[in-house]
């Protein structure tokens, strides 16, 4: 998938911390909001998004994949 965002940030919301791409919250594959319980985890996942080049490679974002699995209950 081609990179579609320029800015990555973290914001407190919904009782946790959300990763934002160009100000929009990241969603899980099941369309749940990606809200993490601790800021350090949100910052680490934001760093994974920031490190993506012109193409988004999901396999290079292990923390995001783990968080998606937990949130979606897969």
N, C-alpha and C. Protein backbone atom coordinates (compact mmCIF):
# COMPACT_ATOMS: atom_id res chain seq x y z
N UNK A 1 0.85 -1.17 0.00
CA UNK A 1 0.00 0.00 0.00
C UNK A 1 0.89 1.23 0.00
N UNK A 2 0.53 2.19 -0.79
CA UNK A 2 1.28 3.44 -0.88
C UNK A 2 1.05 4.29 0.38
N UNK A 3 2.09 4.94 0.85
CA UNK A 3 1.99 5.81 2.03
C UNK A 3 1.03 6.96 1.70
N UNK A 4 0.06 7.20 2.57
CA UNK A 4 -1.00 8.19 2.32
C UNK A 4 -0.99 9.32 3.34
N UNK A 5 -0.07 9.35 4.25
CA UNK A 5 -0.05 10.35 5.33
C UNK A 5 1.32 11.01 5.39
N UNK A 6 1.35 12.19 6.01
CA UNK A 6 2.61 12.92 6.17
C UNK A 6 3.02 13.01 7.63
N UNK A 7 2.05 13.20 8.52
CA UNK A 7 2.36 13.45 9.93
C UNK A 7 1.80 12.34 10.81
N UNK A 8 2.60 11.92 11.80
CA UNK A 8 2.20 10.91 12.77
C UNK A 8 2.28 11.55 14.15
N UNK A 9 1.22 11.38 14.95
CA UNK A 9 1.21 11.94 16.30
C UNK A 9 0.46 11.00 17.23
N UNK A 10 0.52 11.32 18.52
CA UNK A 10 -0.19 10.57 19.56
C UNK A 10 -1.03 11.56 20.34
N UNK A 11 -2.26 11.16 20.67
CA UNK A 11 -3.17 12.03 21.40
C UNK A 11 -3.92 11.23 22.46
N UNK A 12 -4.11 11.85 23.61
CA UNK A 12 -4.92 11.21 24.66
C UNK A 12 -6.38 11.27 24.24
N UNK A 13 -7.05 10.10 24.25
CA UNK A 13 -8.48 10.06 23.95
C UNK A 13 -9.08 8.72 24.33
N UNK A 14 -10.35 8.75 24.62
CA UNK A 14 -11.12 7.54 24.95
C UNK A 14 -10.48 6.73 26.09
N UNK A 15 -9.91 7.42 27.07
CA UNK A 15 -9.32 6.73 28.21
C UNK A 15 -7.97 6.09 27.94
N UNK A 16 -7.34 6.43 26.84
CA UNK A 16 -6.04 5.88 26.49
C UNK A 16 -5.29 6.83 25.58
N UNK A 17 -4.49 6.27 24.69
CA UNK A 17 -3.68 7.07 23.77
C UNK A 17 -3.85 6.53 22.36
N UNK A 18 -4.22 7.42 21.45
CA UNK A 18 -4.46 7.05 20.06
C UNK A 18 -3.32 7.52 19.18
N UNK A 19 -3.01 6.73 18.16
CA UNK A 19 -2.05 7.11 17.14
C UNK A 19 -2.84 7.79 16.03
N UNK A 20 -2.37 8.96 15.61
CA UNK A 20 -3.05 9.73 14.58
C UNK A 20 -2.17 9.87 13.35
N UNK A 21 -2.77 9.69 12.19
CA UNK A 21 -2.10 9.92 10.91
C UNK A 21 -2.77 11.13 10.28
N UNK A 22 -2.01 12.20 10.12
CA UNK A 22 -2.56 13.47 9.63
C UNK A 22 -3.79 13.90 10.43
N UNK A 23 -3.74 13.66 11.74
CA UNK A 23 -4.81 14.08 12.63
C UNK A 23 -5.99 13.14 12.73
N UNK A 24 -5.96 12.05 11.96
CA UNK A 24 -7.06 11.07 11.98
C UNK A 24 -6.62 9.82 12.74
N UNK A 25 -7.49 9.28 13.59
CA UNK A 25 -7.10 8.09 14.36
C UNK A 25 -6.93 6.86 13.48
N UNK A 26 -5.94 6.06 13.83
CA UNK A 26 -5.70 4.79 13.14
C UNK A 26 -6.80 3.82 13.57
N UNK A 27 -7.29 3.04 12.62
CA UNK A 27 -8.30 2.01 12.88
C UNK A 27 -7.66 0.64 12.73
N UNK A 28 -8.19 -0.33 13.44
CA UNK A 28 -7.75 -1.71 13.31
C UNK A 28 -8.39 -2.30 12.05
N UNK A 29 -7.98 -3.49 11.64
CA UNK A 29 -8.62 -4.12 10.49
C UNK A 29 -10.14 -4.30 10.66
N UNK A 30 -10.61 -4.46 11.91
CA UNK A 30 -12.05 -4.60 12.17
C UNK A 30 -12.73 -3.24 12.38
N UNK A 31 -12.01 -2.16 12.06
CA UNK A 31 -12.53 -0.79 12.14
C UNK A 31 -12.75 -0.28 13.57
N UNK A 32 -12.08 -0.90 14.54
CA UNK A 32 -12.09 -0.37 15.90
C UNK A 32 -11.02 0.72 16.00
N UNK A 33 -11.21 1.67 16.91
CA UNK A 33 -10.20 2.69 17.12
C UNK A 33 -8.98 2.05 17.78
N UNK A 34 -7.80 2.39 17.31
CA UNK A 34 -6.56 1.91 17.91
C UNK A 34 -6.25 2.82 19.10
N UNK A 35 -6.76 2.46 20.27
CA UNK A 35 -6.53 3.20 21.50
C UNK A 35 -5.75 2.29 22.43
N UNK A 36 -4.60 2.78 22.87
CA UNK A 36 -3.67 1.98 23.66
C UNK A 36 -3.68 2.45 25.11
N UNK A 37 -3.47 1.53 26.05
CA UNK A 37 -3.60 1.86 27.47
C UNK A 37 -2.47 2.71 28.04
N UNK A 38 -1.29 2.65 27.41
CA UNK A 38 -0.17 3.44 27.93
C UNK A 38 0.48 4.24 26.80
N UNK A 39 0.95 5.42 27.16
CA UNK A 39 1.52 6.33 26.18
C UNK A 39 2.78 5.76 25.52
N UNK A 40 3.60 5.06 26.28
CA UNK A 40 4.84 4.51 25.72
C UNK A 40 4.56 3.56 24.55
N UNK A 41 3.51 2.76 24.66
CA UNK A 41 3.15 1.85 23.58
C UNK A 41 2.65 2.63 22.37
N UNK A 42 1.83 3.64 22.61
CA UNK A 42 1.35 4.47 21.51
C UNK A 42 2.51 5.16 20.79
N UNK A 43 3.48 5.65 21.55
CA UNK A 43 4.65 6.31 20.95
C UNK A 43 5.48 5.32 20.14
N UNK A 44 5.60 4.09 20.62
CA UNK A 44 6.36 3.06 19.89
C UNK A 44 5.66 2.70 18.57
N UNK A 45 4.34 2.59 18.61
CA UNK A 45 3.60 2.28 17.38
C UNK A 45 3.64 3.48 16.43
N UNK A 46 3.57 4.68 16.95
CA UNK A 46 3.71 5.88 16.12
C UNK A 46 5.07 5.88 15.42
N UNK A 47 6.10 5.46 16.12
CA UNK A 47 7.44 5.39 15.51
C UNK A 47 7.46 4.38 14.37
N UNK A 48 6.74 3.25 14.53
CA UNK A 48 6.66 2.28 13.43
C UNK A 48 6.03 2.91 12.20
N UNK A 49 4.98 3.69 12.38
CA UNK A 49 4.33 4.37 11.25
C UNK A 49 5.28 5.40 10.63
N UNK A 50 5.98 6.15 11.48
CA UNK A 50 6.91 7.18 11.01
C UNK A 50 8.04 6.59 10.16
N UNK A 51 8.48 5.40 10.50
CA UNK A 51 9.60 4.76 9.82
C UNK A 51 9.25 4.17 8.46
N UNK A 52 7.98 4.16 8.10
CA UNK A 52 7.58 3.62 6.80
C UNK A 52 8.06 4.55 5.69
N UNK A 53 8.46 3.95 4.59
CA UNK A 53 8.90 4.72 3.43
C UNK A 53 7.73 5.06 2.53
N UNK A 54 7.97 5.05 1.23
CA UNK A 54 6.91 5.35 0.26
C UNK A 54 5.84 4.28 0.23
N UNK A 55 6.20 3.07 0.62
CA UNK A 55 5.26 1.96 0.69
C UNK A 55 5.10 1.53 2.14
N UNK A 56 3.86 1.25 2.56
CA UNK A 56 3.59 0.77 3.92
C UNK A 56 3.74 -0.75 3.91
N UNK A 57 4.61 -1.25 4.77
CA UNK A 57 4.86 -2.69 4.86
C UNK A 57 4.44 -3.14 6.25
N UNK A 58 3.27 -3.76 6.33
CA UNK A 58 2.70 -4.17 7.62
C UNK A 58 3.62 -5.10 8.39
N UNK A 59 4.35 -5.93 7.70
CA UNK A 59 5.25 -6.88 8.37
C UNK A 59 6.36 -6.19 9.15
N UNK A 60 6.62 -4.92 8.84
CA UNK A 60 7.66 -4.18 9.54
C UNK A 60 7.12 -3.42 10.75
N UNK A 61 5.86 -3.69 11.12
CA UNK A 61 5.24 -3.01 12.26
C UNK A 61 4.69 -4.06 13.24
N UNK A 62 5.56 -4.78 13.94
CA UNK A 62 5.10 -5.86 14.81
C UNK A 62 4.26 -5.39 16.00
N UNK A 63 4.55 -4.24 16.56
CA UNK A 63 3.74 -3.76 17.69
C UNK A 63 2.33 -3.41 17.23
N UNK A 64 2.20 -2.81 16.06
CA UNK A 64 0.88 -2.50 15.51
C UNK A 64 0.09 -3.78 15.27
N UNK A 65 0.72 -4.78 14.69
CA UNK A 65 0.03 -6.05 14.43
C UNK A 65 -0.44 -6.70 15.73
N UNK A 66 0.41 -6.66 16.75
CA UNK A 66 0.03 -7.24 18.05
C UNK A 66 -1.14 -6.47 18.67
N UNK A 67 -1.07 -5.15 18.64
CA UNK A 67 -2.15 -4.33 19.20
C UNK A 67 -3.46 -4.57 18.45
N UNK A 68 -3.40 -4.66 17.12
CA UNK A 68 -4.61 -4.94 16.34
C UNK A 68 -5.22 -6.26 16.75
N UNK A 69 -4.40 -7.27 16.94
CA UNK A 69 -4.87 -8.59 17.33
C UNK A 69 -5.57 -8.54 18.68
N UNK A 70 -4.97 -7.85 19.63
CA UNK A 70 -5.56 -7.75 20.98
C UNK A 70 -6.88 -6.98 20.93
N UNK A 71 -6.90 -5.84 20.26
CA UNK A 71 -8.11 -5.01 20.22
C UNK A 71 -9.25 -5.71 19.48
N UNK A 72 -8.92 -6.32 18.34
CA UNK A 72 -9.95 -6.98 17.54
C UNK A 72 -10.35 -8.35 18.09
N UNK A 73 -9.57 -8.89 19.02
CA UNK A 73 -9.89 -10.18 19.60
C UNK A 73 -9.75 -11.33 18.62
N UNK A 74 -8.80 -11.22 17.73
CA UNK A 74 -8.57 -12.25 16.70
C UNK A 74 -7.97 -13.48 17.34
